[in-house]
């Protein structure tokens, strides 16, 4: 993932989270990842999150990993 894609991923997670009506805290708990990790991914501080964290987020958002990381 390049840094641009990292920002896109964070924005995509934030958009999907808001569409599902979840707060950052609710999504972090549902995905079983630290709240601070989620917030850093969303704002682009963590540009290359682990595949495990992204997979947990995708599952919590009820989307496939491919849907989450695709550029579409």
N, C-alpha and C. Protein backbone atom coordinates (compact mmCIF):
# COMPACT_ATOMS: atom_id res chain seq x y z
N UNK A 1 0.83 -1.18 0.00
CA UNK A 1 0.00 0.00 0.00
C UNK A 1 0.87 1.24 0.00
N UNK A 2 0.63 2.16 -0.90
CA UNK A 2 1.36 3.42 -0.82
C UNK A 2 0.62 4.36 0.12
N UNK A 3 1.24 5.48 0.46
CA UNK A 3 0.66 6.37 1.46
C UNK A 3 -0.68 6.93 1.00
N UNK A 4 -0.84 7.16 -0.27
CA UNK A 4 -2.10 7.66 -0.81
C UNK A 4 -3.21 6.65 -0.57
N UNK A 5 -2.91 5.39 -0.80
CA UNK A 5 -3.91 4.34 -0.61
C UNK A 5 -4.26 4.22 0.88
N UNK A 6 -3.29 4.45 1.76
CA UNK A 6 -3.56 4.41 3.19
C UNK A 6 -4.59 5.44 3.58
N UNK A 7 -4.48 6.63 3.04
CA UNK A 7 -5.46 7.68 3.32
C UNK A 7 -6.82 7.27 2.75
N UNK A 8 -6.82 6.72 1.56
CA UNK A 8 -8.07 6.28 0.95
C UNK A 8 -8.74 5.19 1.78
N UNK A 9 -7.94 4.29 2.32
CA UNK A 9 -8.47 3.22 3.14
C UNK A 9 -9.12 3.81 4.39
N UNK A 10 -8.44 4.73 5.03
CA UNK A 10 -8.99 5.36 6.23
C UNK A 10 -10.29 6.08 5.95
N UNK A 11 -10.32 6.79 4.84
CA UNK A 11 -11.54 7.51 4.46
C UNK A 11 -12.67 6.54 4.16
N UNK A 12 -12.32 5.43 3.52
CA UNK A 12 -13.33 4.42 3.18
C UNK A 12 -13.90 3.78 4.44
N UNK A 13 -13.01 3.47 5.39
CA UNK A 13 -13.46 2.89 6.66
C UNK A 13 -14.40 3.87 7.37
N UNK A 14 -14.00 5.13 7.40
CA UNK A 14 -14.82 6.15 8.06
C UNK A 14 -16.19 6.28 7.39
N UNK A 15 -16.20 6.29 6.08
CA UNK A 15 -17.47 6.40 5.33
C UNK A 15 -18.38 5.21 5.63
N UNK A 16 -17.83 4.00 5.56
CA UNK A 16 -18.62 2.80 5.83
C UNK A 16 -19.11 2.77 7.27
N UNK A 17 -18.25 3.19 8.18
CA UNK A 17 -18.61 3.21 9.60
C UNK A 17 -19.80 4.15 9.82
N UNK A 18 -19.74 5.32 9.21
CA UNK A 18 -20.83 6.28 9.37
C UNK A 18 -22.11 5.79 8.71
N UNK A 19 -21.98 5.11 7.56
CA UNK A 19 -23.16 4.55 6.89
C UNK A 19 -23.85 3.51 7.77
N UNK A 20 -23.04 2.78 8.55
CA UNK A 20 -23.59 1.75 9.44
C UNK A 20 -24.08 2.35 10.75
N UNK A 21 -23.86 3.65 10.94
CA UNK A 21 -24.31 4.31 12.16
C UNK A 21 -23.49 3.97 13.38
N UNK A 22 -22.22 3.63 13.17
CA UNK A 22 -21.35 3.25 14.28
C UNK A 22 -20.40 4.39 14.65
N UNK A 23 -20.14 4.54 15.93
CA UNK A 23 -19.11 5.47 16.38
C UNK A 23 -17.76 4.76 16.23
N UNK A 24 -16.68 5.52 16.36
CA UNK A 24 -15.36 4.91 16.29
C UNK A 24 -15.21 3.88 17.41
N UNK A 25 -15.68 4.24 18.59
CA UNK A 25 -15.57 3.33 19.74
C UNK A 25 -16.36 2.04 19.49
N UNK A 26 -17.57 2.17 18.94
CA UNK A 26 -18.39 0.98 18.67
C UNK A 26 -17.72 0.07 17.64
N UNK A 27 -17.16 0.68 16.58
CA UNK A 27 -16.51 -0.14 15.56
C UNK A 27 -15.25 -0.80 16.12
N UNK A 28 -14.48 -0.08 16.90
CA UNK A 28 -13.26 -0.64 17.49
C UNK A 28 -13.60 -1.84 18.37
N UNK A 29 -14.65 -1.71 19.17
CA UNK A 29 -15.07 -2.82 20.03
C UNK A 29 -15.57 -4.00 19.20
N UNK A 30 -16.36 -3.71 18.18
CA UNK A 30 -16.91 -4.77 17.33
C UNK A 30 -15.80 -5.50 16.57
N UNK A 31 -14.77 -4.74 16.16
CA UNK A 31 -13.66 -5.33 15.42
C UNK A 31 -12.59 -5.91 16.34
N UNK A 32 -12.72 -5.66 17.64
CA UNK A 32 -11.76 -6.12 18.62
C UNK A 32 -10.34 -5.61 18.33
N UNK A 33 -10.29 -4.30 18.03
CA UNK A 33 -8.99 -3.63 17.87
C UNK A 33 -8.99 -2.41 18.78
N UNK A 34 -7.80 -1.93 19.15
CA UNK A 34 -7.76 -0.74 20.01
C UNK A 34 -8.39 0.47 19.32
N UNK A 35 -9.13 1.25 20.11
CA UNK A 35 -9.77 2.47 19.62
C UNK A 35 -8.74 3.39 18.96
N UNK A 36 -7.58 3.53 19.59
CA UNK A 36 -6.55 4.43 19.06
C UNK A 36 -6.05 3.95 17.70
N UNK A 37 -5.98 2.65 17.51
CA UNK A 37 -5.56 2.11 16.22
C UNK A 37 -6.55 2.48 15.14
N UNK A 38 -7.83 2.31 15.42
CA UNK A 38 -8.87 2.65 14.45
C UNK A 38 -8.81 4.14 14.10
N UNK A 39 -8.72 4.99 15.10
CA UNK A 39 -8.70 6.43 14.82
C UNK A 39 -7.48 6.81 13.99
N UNK A 40 -6.35 6.21 14.29
CA UNK A 40 -5.12 6.51 13.53
C UNK A 40 -5.22 6.02 12.09
N UNK A 41 -5.88 4.89 11.87
CA UNK A 41 -6.08 4.40 10.51
C UNK A 41 -7.01 5.36 9.75
N UNK A 42 -8.09 5.76 10.41
CA UNK A 42 -9.06 6.65 9.76
C UNK A 42 -8.46 7.99 9.36
N UNK A 43 -7.60 8.55 10.20
CA UNK A 43 -7.05 9.87 9.88
C UNK A 43 -5.75 9.78 9.08
N UNK A 44 -5.27 8.58 8.84
CA UNK A 44 -4.10 8.41 7.99
C UNK A 44 -2.76 8.44 8.70
N UNK A 45 -2.76 8.42 10.04
CA UNK A 45 -1.50 8.37 10.78
C UNK A 45 -0.84 7.01 10.56
N UNK A 46 -1.65 5.96 10.62
CA UNK A 46 -1.16 4.62 10.29
C UNK A 46 -1.44 4.42 8.81
N UNK A 47 -0.40 4.50 8.01
CA UNK A 47 -0.56 4.43 6.56
C UNK A 47 -0.58 2.99 6.04
N UNK A 48 0.04 2.08 6.78
CA UNK A 48 0.07 0.68 6.36
C UNK A 48 -0.39 -0.20 7.52
N UNK A 49 -1.70 -0.21 7.77
CA UNK A 49 -2.20 -1.05 8.87
C UNK A 49 -1.99 -2.53 8.56
N UNK A 50 -1.91 -3.32 9.62
CA UNK A 50 -1.73 -4.75 9.42
C UNK A 50 -2.95 -5.36 8.73
N UNK A 51 -2.70 -6.40 7.99
CA UNK A 51 -3.79 -7.07 7.29
C UNK A 51 -4.78 -7.65 8.30
N UNK A 52 -4.29 -8.02 9.48
CA UNK A 52 -5.16 -8.57 10.51
C UNK A 52 -6.14 -7.51 11.01
N UNK A 53 -5.64 -6.30 11.24
CA UNK A 53 -6.51 -5.21 11.70
C UNK A 53 -7.54 -4.86 10.62
N UNK A 54 -7.09 -4.78 9.39
CA UNK A 54 -8.00 -4.44 8.29
C UNK A 54 -9.05 -5.53 8.10
N UNK A 55 -8.65 -6.79 8.24
CA UNK A 55 -9.59 -7.90 8.12
C UNK A 55 -10.65 -7.84 9.22
N UNK A 56 -10.23 -7.51 10.45
CA UNK A 56 -11.18 -7.40 11.56
C UNK A 56 -12.16 -6.25 11.32
N UNK A 57 -11.64 -5.14 10.80
CA UNK A 57 -12.50 -3.99 10.50
C UNK A 57 -13.51 -4.35 9.41
N UNK A 58 -13.03 -5.02 8.36
CA UNK A 58 -13.92 -5.43 7.26
C UNK A 58 -15.03 -6.33 7.79
N UNK A 59 -14.67 -7.29 8.64
CA UNK A 59 -15.67 -8.20 9.19
C UNK A 59 -16.69 -7.45 10.05
N UNK A 60 -16.20 -6.49 10.85
CA UNK A 60 -17.09 -5.72 11.71
C UNK A 60 -18.03 -4.83 10.89
N UNK A 61 -17.56 -4.39 9.72
CA UNK A 61 -18.38 -3.55 8.85
C UNK A 61 -19.25 -4.38 7.91
N UNK A 62 -19.10 -5.71 7.98
CA UNK A 62 -19.86 -6.64 7.16
C UNK A 62 -19.59 -6.44 5.67
N UNK A 63 -18.31 -6.23 5.34
CA UNK A 63 -17.87 -6.16 3.95
C UNK A 63 -16.69 -7.10 3.79
N UNK A 64 -16.40 -7.49 2.55
CA UNK A 64 -15.25 -8.35 2.34
C UNK A 64 -13.97 -7.53 2.40
N UNK A 65 -12.88 -8.20 2.67
CA UNK A 65 -11.58 -7.53 2.69
C UNK A 65 -11.30 -6.90 1.33
N UNK A 66 -11.64 -7.61 0.27
CA UNK A 66 -11.45 -7.07 -1.09
C UNK A 66 -12.23 -5.78 -1.30
N UNK A 67 -13.48 -5.77 -0.84
CA UNK A 67 -14.29 -4.55 -1.00
C UNK A 67 -13.67 -3.38 -0.25
N UNK A 68 -13.12 -3.66 0.93
CA UNK A 68 -12.56 -2.60 1.74
C UNK A 68 -11.29 -2.02 1.15
N UNK A 69 -10.43 -2.89 0.61
CA UNK A 69 -9.14 -2.38 0.13
C UNK A 69 -9.13 -2.03 -1.36
N UNK A 70 -10.22 -2.33 -2.07
CA UNK A 70 -10.24 -1.96 -3.49
C UNK A 70 -10.30 -0.45 -3.65
N UNK A 71 -9.83 0.04 -4.77
CA UNK A 71 -9.80 1.48 -5.02
C UNK A 71 -11.10 2.00 -5.64
N UNK A 72 -12.14 1.21 -5.59
CA UNK A 72 -13.39 1.63 -6.21
C UNK A 72 -14.41 2.09 -5.21
